Amino acid sequence: MTNRTTPYAAADNPFDAKGPFLLSLFMTLVGYSVLVALPAINGAWVEQLGFSEVQVNRVASADLLGLFIGAVMTSVLIKRWDRQRLTYLGIALAILANALCTQYVDYDTTLILRFVAGLGAGFYTAVAVAGLGAHSKPREAFNWMLLAFAVSQFLELQLIPHLTMNGIYLFFIATYVVTLPFVRLIPRAGSPAPLPAEVSSDNQRPTLLAWVGIGAIVIAYINIGAYWSNIELAAEAAGLDGDWAAQIIAWCVLLSFVGCFTAMWVLKKFDYDRPLLITFVLMVISVGLLAVDFTAALFVFSVAMFNFLWIFIDVYQMGGVSVADRSGSAAAFIPGAQGLGQTVGPFAASVMLDLGWGFNGVFILCAAASATALCIYAAIYMKYRRTTATA
């Protein structure tokens, strides 16, 4: 494998070293573990704790709201605080909250504890994502992250349905504990990372665009949060076998691998904007179809396309933010943006279900969120295409 395709092959940037890079990869998998396994965890809350569909969406929203707030705080503090200290803070909060979840199982207490667990995950994950964003080749670094993400997602969706509720919480605790001996590998502070080799000073876009990208991530993740929290429940409500639907969801996660490798190939062959626009168009179609009809065939098609497209979109969105802002603040905000979107998505879905709009309304919400993100990136594309043409 050449240096071109190995994301940690650079020299002077401390975030390019194998130790910090691989640790950041692992930390993102741990920090996002609740997010990727939401269908299975939601099912466990319903079956083992007796929560309603509305309560499940609100508990998930609380967890992801914590992720958002923790990441926002990290984005503000990361230039002034020791990154290792922020990581230890995140680990402590996550372990404490998950441990208390094994002792308290009522809805109100679980709601609060999942918020605290999410807060810890926000600190922890934001440091990890900022480390990947500071890499000399951030888009390749995020592609490797999402490839590992696809593996962990598949394994979690296979494992979690076989665990008790306490077993799930103990699993989360163990993943944080494993990290503790390696936190010292994280660079304590980071200066603005160099401009990626594929981006010259002539085509570098303004830093403000990184924050526009953050807003687009929030909107895109409203779709992801609402869809991912409700797809298994919607399948059961449509009369499909729950165990079969869960297996389809788990196995379709393997298409995330295809999304990662496709994104890696496209990065070398095409520009940034047009593949992202096409992918969002396909996402609108794949989630919107379930609002029209919900058959077994459409369910399989939608879940398969969703897993392929989600990863592809993430590579481009996260890489685009990191390229536009090399200070690390915007990159540290990425988990917060994702957490906010995933908070709004399940919460909005719970309101729709409470009002009796059904899962059709939820999938219309998913399609509308993706269409809005599409419009944002289309506007950016049109503006900078004209700028490039007149340069």
Protein backbone atom coordinates (compact mmCIF):
# COMPACT_ATOMS: atom_id res chain seq x y z
CA MET A 1 0.00 0.00 0.00
CA THR A 2 1.42 3.39 -0.95
CA ASN A 3 1.65 6.52 1.16
CA ARG A 4 -1.20 7.97 -0.92
CA THR A 5 -3.69 5.51 0.52
CA THR A 6 -2.30 5.12 4.04
CA PRO A 7 -3.68 7.96 6.11
CA TYR A 8 -1.06 7.88 8.84
CA ALA A 9 2.00 7.93 6.61
CA ALA A 10 2.86 11.62 7.03
CA ALA A 11 5.68 12.75 9.32
CA ASP A 12 5.65 16.09 11.18
CA ASN A 13 2.01 16.28 12.16
CA PRO A 14 1.66 14.44 15.55
CA PHE A 15 -1.87 13.38 14.61
CA ASP A 16 -0.47 11.39 11.67
CA ALA A 17 1.46 9.02 13.95
CA LYS A 18 0.08 5.47 14.17
CA GLY A 19 -0.58 5.57 17.92
CA PRO A 20 -2.78 8.69 18.05
CA PHE A 21 -4.45 7.79 14.75
CA LEU A 22 -5.41 4.24 15.75
CA LEU A 23 -6.48 5.39 19.22
CA SER A 24 -8.71 8.07 17.67
CA LEU A 25 -10.24 5.40 15.44
CA PHE A 26 -11.03 3.16 18.40
CA MET A 27 -12.36 6.04 20.50
CA THR A 28 -14.81 7.07 17.79
CA LEU A 29 -16.16 3.50 17.71
CA VAL A 30 -16.64 3.55 21.48
CA GLY A 31 -18.14 7.03 21.54
CA TYR A 32 -20.62 6.26 18.78
CA SER A 33 -21.52 2.80 20.13
CA VAL A 34 -24.97 3.84 21.35
CA LEU A 35 -25.69 5.66 18.11
CA VAL A 36 -24.87 2.74 15.83
CA ALA A 37 -26.81 0.19 17.88
CA LEU A 38 -29.96 2.27 18.43
CA PRO A 39 -32.36 -0.23 16.77
CA ALA A 40 -31.18 -3.04 19.05
CA ILE A 41 -31.00 -0.86 22.17
CA ASN A 42 -34.45 0.60 21.54
CA GLY A 43 -35.78 -2.93 21.19
CA ALA A 44 -34.18 -3.89 24.52
CA TRP A 45 -35.73 -0.88 26.27
CA VAL A 46 -39.14 -1.90 24.96
CA GLU A 47 -38.87 -5.65 25.63
CA GLN A 48 -36.82 -5.70 28.85
CA LEU A 49 -37.83 -2.46 30.59
CA GLY A 50 -41.35 -2.09 29.18
CA PHE A 51 -40.88 1.40 27.74
CA SER A 52 -43.38 2.57 25.12
CA GLU A 53 -42.40 3.60 21.59
CA VAL A 54 -42.73 7.26 22.60
CA GLN A 55 -40.59 6.78 25.73
CA VAL A 56 -37.91 4.93 23.77
CA ASN A 57 -37.56 7.82 21.33
CA ARG A 58 -37.26 10.29 24.20
CA VAL A 59 -34.64 8.24 26.04
CA ALA A 60 -32.63 7.99 22.81
CA SER A 61 -33.01 11.75 22.35
CA ALA A 62 -31.71 12.39 25.88
CA ASP A 63 -28.62 10.27 25.22
CA LEU A 64 -27.90 12.08 21.97
CA LEU A 65 -28.64 15.50 23.48
CA GLY A 66 -25.89 14.75 25.99
CA LEU A 67 -23.59 13.84 23.10
CA PHE A 68 -24.38 17.19 21.49
CA ILE A 69 -23.74 19.27 24.62
CA GLY A 70 -20.52 17.41 25.45
CA ALA A 71 -19.20 17.93 21.94
CA VAL A 72 -20.16 21.62 21.95
CA MET A 73 -18.29 22.13 25.22
CA THR A 74 -15.27 20.29 23.81
CA SER A 75 -15.34 22.44 20.67
CA VAL A 76 -15.08 25.54 22.88
CA LEU A 77 -12.50 24.11 25.30
CA ILE A 78 -10.23 22.14 22.98
CA LYS A 79 -7.93 25.08 22.19
CA ARG A 80 -7.38 25.84 25.89
CA TRP A 81 -7.70 22.55 27.75
CA ASP A 82 -5.49 19.49 27.75
CA ARG A 83 -7.08 16.95 25.35
CA GLN A 84 -6.15 14.11 27.66
CA ARG A 85 -8.01 15.77 30.55
CA LEU A 86 -11.12 16.17 28.40
CA THR A 87 -10.92 12.49 27.50
CA TYR A 88 -10.63 11.38 31.14
CA LEU A 89 -13.64 13.56 32.01
CA GLY A 90 -15.69 11.89 29.28
CA ILE A 91 -14.68 8.40 30.40
CA ALA A 92 -15.58 9.13 34.03
CA LEU A 93 -19.04 10.47 33.19
CA ALA A 94 -19.84 7.62 30.78
CA ILE A 95 -18.75 4.88 33.19
CA LEU A 96 -20.62 6.43 36.13
CA ALA A 97 -23.89 6.92 34.22
CA ASN A 98 -23.85 3.44 32.66
CA ALA A 99 -23.09 1.87 36.05
CA LEU A 100 -26.05 3.69 37.63
CA CYS A 101 -28.27 2.54 34.75
CA THR A 102 -27.77 -1.03 35.98
CA GLN A 103 -29.30 -0.04 39.33
CA TYR A 104 -32.15 2.25 38.26
CA VAL A 105 -34.57 1.07 35.59
CA ASP A 106 -37.54 3.44 35.85
CA TYR A 107 -38.22 5.75 32.91
CA ASP A 108 -37.53 9.11 34.58
CA THR A 109 -34.19 8.07 36.09
CA THR A 110 -33.10 6.31 32.91
CA LEU A 111 -33.86 9.50 30.96
CA ILE A 112 -31.51 11.53 33.20
CA LEU A 113 -28.76 8.90 33.30
CA ARG A 114 -28.75 8.46 29.52
CA PHE A 115 -28.27 12.22 29.19
CA VAL A 116 -25.22 12.04 31.49
CA ALA A 117 -23.85 9.03 29.59
CA GLY A 118 -24.28 10.96 26.35
CA LEU A 119 -22.50 13.97 27.87
CA GLY A 120 -19.48 11.81 28.67
CA ALA A 121 -19.57 10.30 25.19
CA GLY A 122 -19.66 13.83 23.76
CA PHE A 123 -16.40 14.90 25.47
CA TYR A 124 -14.72 11.61 24.58
CA THR A 125 -15.87 11.39 20.97
CA ALA A 126 -15.22 15.05 20.15
CA VAL A 127 -11.56 14.68 21.14
CA ALA A 128 -11.29 11.59 18.93
CA VAL A 129 -12.97 13.19 15.92
CA ALA A 130 -10.87 16.35 16.30
CA GLY A 131 -7.78 14.14 16.23
CA LEU A 132 -8.88 12.56 12.95
CA GLY A 133 -9.79 15.97 11.56
CA ALA A 134 -6.29 17.25 12.37
CA HIS A 135 -4.79 14.52 10.18
CA SER A 136 -2.91 15.67 7.09
CA LYS A 137 -5.42 13.71 4.96
CA PRO A 138 -8.69 14.15 6.88
CA ARG A 139 -11.00 12.68 4.24
CA GLU A 140 -8.97 9.48 4.08
CA ALA A 141 -8.78 9.39 7.88
CA PHE A 142 -12.56 9.68 8.17
CA ASN A 143 -12.99 7.02 5.51
CA TRP A 144 -10.89 4.60 7.57
CA MET A 145 -12.91 5.59 10.63
CA LEU A 146 -16.18 4.82 8.90
CA LEU A 147 -14.84 1.51 7.59
CA ALA A 148 -14.05 0.50 11.17
CA PHE A 149 -17.41 1.97 12.15
CA ALA A 150 -19.17 -0.40 9.74
CA VAL A 151 -17.41 -3.40 11.30
CA SER A 152 -18.31 -2.37 14.85
CA GLN A 153 -21.89 -1.58 13.84
CA PHE A 154 -22.36 -5.06 12.39
CA LEU A 155 -20.82 -6.74 15.45
CA GLU A 156 -22.86 -4.65 17.90
CA LEU A 157 -26.13 -5.41 16.13
CA GLN A 158 -25.27 -9.12 16.32
CA LEU A 159 -24.20 -8.99 19.98
CA ILE A 160 -26.61 -6.62 21.73
CA PRO A 161 -29.87 -8.56 21.09
CA HIS A 162 -28.33 -11.47 23.03
CA LEU A 163 -27.47 -9.35 26.10
CA THR A 164 -29.61 -8.43 29.07
CA MET A 165 -30.18 -4.72 29.67
CA ASN A 166 -27.48 -4.72 32.36
CA GLY A 167 -25.22 -6.64 30.00
CA ILE A 168 -25.59 -3.86 27.42
CA TYR A 169 -24.62 -1.21 29.98
CA LEU A 170 -21.65 -3.29 31.19
CA PHE A 171 -20.52 -3.71 27.58
CA PHE A 172 -20.45 0.08 27.18
CA ILE A 173 -18.49 0.43 30.44
CA ALA A 174 -15.91 -2.14 29.32
CA THR A 175 -15.22 -0.31 26.05
CA TYR A 176 -14.37 2.88 27.95
CA VAL A 177 -12.22 1.05 30.52
CA VAL A 178 -10.13 -0.54 27.74
CA THR A 179 -9.17 2.95 26.54
CA LEU A 180 -7.76 4.18 29.87
CA PRO A 181 -4.14 2.92 29.52
CA PHE A 182 -3.80 4.52 26.08
CA VAL A 183 -5.13 8.04 26.72
CA ARG A 184 -1.51 9.20 27.18
CA LEU A 185 -1.00 8.72 23.42
CA ILE A 186 -3.31 11.64 22.64
CA PRO A 187 -1.36 14.84 21.85
CA ARG A 188 -2.11 17.16 24.77
CA ALA A 189 -2.72 20.18 22.56
CA GLY A 190 -2.97 20.73 18.85
CA SER A 191 -1.98 23.67 16.68
CA PRO A 192 -3.81 24.26 13.39
CA ALA A 193 -3.05 21.32 11.13
CA PRO A 194 -1.46 21.88 7.71
CA LEU A 195 -3.63 22.22 4.64
CA PRO A 196 -4.21 18.81 3.03
CA ALA A 197 -2.03 18.12 0.00
CA GLU A 198 -5.02 17.87 -2.35
CA VAL A 199 -6.22 21.36 -1.36
CA SER A 200 -4.22 24.39 -2.54
CA SER A 201 -4.48 27.92 -1.19
CA ASP A 202 -6.24 28.82 -4.44
CA ASN A 203 -9.18 26.44 -4.00
CA GLN A 204 -9.36 26.48 -0.19
CA ARG A 205 -12.86 27.52 0.83
CA PRO A 206 -13.51 29.99 3.68
CA THR A 207 -13.59 28.74 7.28
CA LEU A 208 -17.18 29.94 7.60
CA LEU A 209 -18.14 27.18 5.18
CA ALA A 210 -17.07 24.61 7.78
CA TRP A 211 -19.82 25.89 10.06
CA VAL A 212 -22.34 25.82 7.22
CA GLY A 213 -21.27 22.19 6.84
CA ILE A 214 -21.89 21.65 10.56
CA GLY A 215 -25.45 22.94 10.09
CA ALA A 216 -25.94 20.57 7.16
CA ILE A 217 -24.71 17.67 9.31
CA VAL A 218 -27.33 18.51 11.95
CA ILE A 219 -30.08 18.43 9.32
CA ALA A 220 -28.78 15.23 7.69
CA TYR A 221 -28.69 13.52 11.08
CA ILE A 222 -32.32 14.36 11.78
CA ASN A 223 -33.01 11.85 9.01
CA ILE A 224 -30.52 9.35 10.41
CA GLY A 225 -31.80 9.64 13.98
CA ALA A 226 -35.48 9.37 13.10
CA TYR A 227 -34.93 6.52 10.62
CA TRP A 228 -32.47 4.48 12.67
CA SER A 229 -34.52 4.74 15.87
CA ASN A 230 -37.77 3.66 14.24
CA ILE A 231 -37.03 1.36 11.30
CA GLU A 232 -37.28 -1.88 13.30
CA LEU A 233 -40.38 -0.69 15.15
CA ALA A 234 -41.95 0.40 11.84
CA ALA A 235 -41.27 -3.02 10.31
CA GLU A 236 -43.06 -4.76 13.18
CA ALA A 237 -45.96 -2.28 12.97
CA ALA A 238 -46.27 -3.11 9.25
CA GLY A 239 -46.70 -6.79 10.09
CA LEU A 240 -43.17 -7.99 9.32
CA ASP A 241 -41.51 -10.48 11.66
CA GLY A 242 -39.43 -8.59 14.23
CA ASP A 243 -36.56 -11.10 14.39
CA TRP A 244 -36.33 -11.22 10.59
CA ALA A 245 -36.35 -7.42 10.38
CA ALA A 246 -33.58 -7.19 12.99
CA GLN A 247 -31.42 -9.61 11.00
CA ILE A 248 -32.00 -7.71 7.77
CA ILE A 249 -30.93 -4.50 9.50
CA ALA A 250 -27.81 -6.17 10.92
CA TRP A 251 -26.74 -7.77 7.64
CA CYS A 252 -27.46 -4.67 5.56
CA VAL A 253 -24.92 -2.86 7.71
CA LEU A 254 -22.31 -4.76 5.69
CA LEU A 255 -23.20 -2.49 2.77
CA SER A 256 -21.47 0.24 4.76
CA PHE A 257 -18.22 -1.43 3.64
CA VAL A 258 -19.24 -0.88 0.04
CA GLY A 259 -20.03 2.74 0.87
CA CYS A 260 -16.59 3.25 2.40
CA PHE A 261 -14.67 1.74 -0.50
CA THR A 262 -16.84 3.56 -3.02
CA ALA A 263 -16.18 6.85 -1.25
CA MET A 264 -12.44 6.11 -1.21
CA TRP A 265 -12.49 5.46 -4.96
CA VAL A 266 -14.65 8.49 -5.73
CA LEU A 267 -12.34 10.74 -3.68
CA LYS A 268 -9.53 9.93 -6.11
CA LYS A 269 -11.57 10.25 -9.30
CA PHE A 270 -14.09 13.06 -8.87
CA ASP A 271 -14.64 16.38 -7.14
CA TYR A 272 -16.23 16.83 -3.73
CA ASP A 273 -19.59 18.36 -4.54
CA ARG A 274 -21.31 16.35 -7.26
CA PRO A 275 -21.05 12.87 -5.68
CA LEU A 276 -22.49 14.28 -2.45
CA LEU A 277 -25.45 15.83 -4.30
CA ILE A 278 -26.22 12.57 -6.11
CA THR A 279 -25.98 10.63 -2.85
CA PHE A 280 -28.47 12.92 -1.11
CA VAL A 281 -30.93 12.53 -4.00
CA LEU A 282 -30.73 8.74 -3.58
CA MET A 283 -31.16 9.08 0.20
CA VAL A 284 -34.37 11.10 -0.23
CA ILE A 285 -35.75 8.35 -2.46
CA SER A 286 -34.68 5.44 -0.24
CA VAL A 287 -36.24 6.79 2.97
CA GLY A 288 -39.23 8.46 1.32
CA LEU A 289 -40.42 5.25 -0.34
CA LEU A 290 -41.43 3.83 3.05
CA ALA A 291 -43.86 6.71 3.52
CA VAL A 292 -45.65 5.59 0.34
CA ASP A 293 -45.79 1.87 1.11
CA PHE A 294 -44.12 -0.54 3.54
CA THR A 295 -43.62 -4.01 2.07
CA ALA A 296 -40.88 -6.53 2.79
CA ALA A 297 -39.18 -5.74 -0.53
CA LEU A 298 -39.24 -1.98 0.03
CA PHE A 299 -38.01 -2.49 3.59
CA VAL A 300 -34.97 -4.47 2.42
CA PHE A 301 -34.25 -1.97 -0.38
CA SER A 302 -34.56 1.03 1.94
CA VAL A 303 -32.37 -0.40 4.72
CA ALA A 304 -29.72 -1.53 2.22
CA MET A 305 -29.58 1.85 0.48
CA PHE A 306 -29.66 3.73 3.78
CA ASN A 307 -26.58 1.91 5.10
CA PHE A 308 -24.64 2.41 1.87
CA LEU A 309 -25.55 6.09 1.54
CA TRP A 310 -25.21 7.05 5.21
CA ILE A 311 -21.53 6.12 5.31
CA PHE A 312 -20.83 7.73 1.94
CA ILE A 313 -22.44 11.00 3.06
CA ASP A 314 -20.52 10.95 6.35
CA VAL A 315 -17.14 10.66 4.61
CA TYR A 316 -17.85 13.72 2.50
CA GLN A 317 -19.50 15.84 5.18
CA MET A 318 -16.91 15.21 7.90
CA GLY A 319 -13.97 15.53 5.52
CA GLY A 320 -15.36 18.75 4.06
CA VAL A 321 -15.66 20.36 7.50
CA SER A 322 -12.11 19.38 8.48
CA VAL A 323 -10.62 20.65 5.21
CA ALA A 324 -12.36 24.03 5.54
CA ASP A 325 -11.30 24.57 9.18
CA ARG A 326 -7.87 23.23 10.17
CA SER A 327 -7.99 24.60 13.76
CA GLY A 328 -9.92 21.56 15.01
CA SER A 329 -12.83 23.50 16.55
CA ALA A 330 -15.29 22.65 13.79
CA ALA A 331 -14.14 19.01 13.70
CA ALA A 332 -14.63 18.74 17.47
CA PHE A 333 -18.18 20.02 16.93
CA ILE A 334 -19.02 17.19 14.47
CA PRO A 335 -20.21 14.69 17.14
CA GLY A 336 -22.28 17.52 18.63
CA ALA A 337 -23.88 18.24 15.29
CA GLN A 338 -24.60 14.55 14.83
CA GLY A 339 -25.92 14.28 18.39
CA LEU A 340 -28.17 17.32 17.94
CA GLY A 341 -29.60 15.92 14.71
CA GLN A 342 -30.11 12.55 16.34
CA THR A 343 -31.79 14.26 19.28
CA VAL A 344 -34.21 16.21 17.13
CA GLY A 345 -34.95 13.23 14.86
CA PRO A 346 -36.16 10.71 17.46
CA PHE A 347 -37.89 13.45 19.48
CA ALA A 348 -39.78 14.70 16.43
CA ALA A 349 -40.66 11.09 15.62
CA SER A 350 -41.99 10.56 19.14
CA VAL A 351 -44.19 13.67 18.80
CA MET A 352 -45.52 12.42 15.45
CA LEU A 353 -46.29 9.00 16.88
CA ASP A 354 -47.91 10.59 19.93
CA LEU A 355 -50.14 12.65 17.64
CA GLY A 356 -51.15 9.54 15.73
CA TRP A 357 -49.37 10.43 12.48
CA GLY A 358 -47.85 6.96 12.33
CA PHE A 359 -44.56 5.85 10.85
CA ASN A 360 -45.54 7.32 7.46
CA GLY A 361 -45.09 10.76 9.00
CA VAL A 362 -41.70 9.74 10.40
CA PHE A 363 -40.41 8.71 6.97
CA ILE A 364 -41.72 11.94 5.41
CA LEU A 365 -39.67 13.77 8.06
CA CYS A 366 -36.61 11.70 7.08
CA ALA A 367 -37.01 12.55 3.39
CA ALA A 368 -37.59 16.25 4.14
CA ALA A 369 -34.43 16.47 6.26
CA SER A 370 -32.31 14.87 3.53
CA ALA A 371 -33.86 17.15 0.91
CA THR A 372 -32.99 20.21 3.01
CA ALA A 373 -29.36 19.12 3.35
CA LEU A 374 -29.34 18.52 -0.42
CA CYS A 375 -30.48 22.11 -1.01
CA ILE A 376 -27.69 23.48 1.21
CA TYR A 377 -24.97 21.59 -0.65
CA ALA A 378 -26.53 22.44 -4.01
CA ALA A 379 -26.34 26.15 -3.12
CA ILE A 380 -22.66 25.77 -2.13
CA TYR A 381 -21.94 23.91 -5.36
CA MET A 382 -23.59 26.57 -7.52
CA LYS A 383 -21.76 29.40 -5.76
CA TYR A 384 -18.28 27.89 -5.97
CA ARG A 385 -18.76 26.50 -9.45
CA ARG A 386 -19.37 30.06 -10.63
CA THR A 387 -16.43 31.33 -8.56
CA THR A 388 -14.10 28.75 -10.07
CA ALA A 389 -15.35 29.45 -13.58
CA THR A 390 -14.67 33.20 -13.26
CA ALA A 391 -11.30 32.82 -11.53
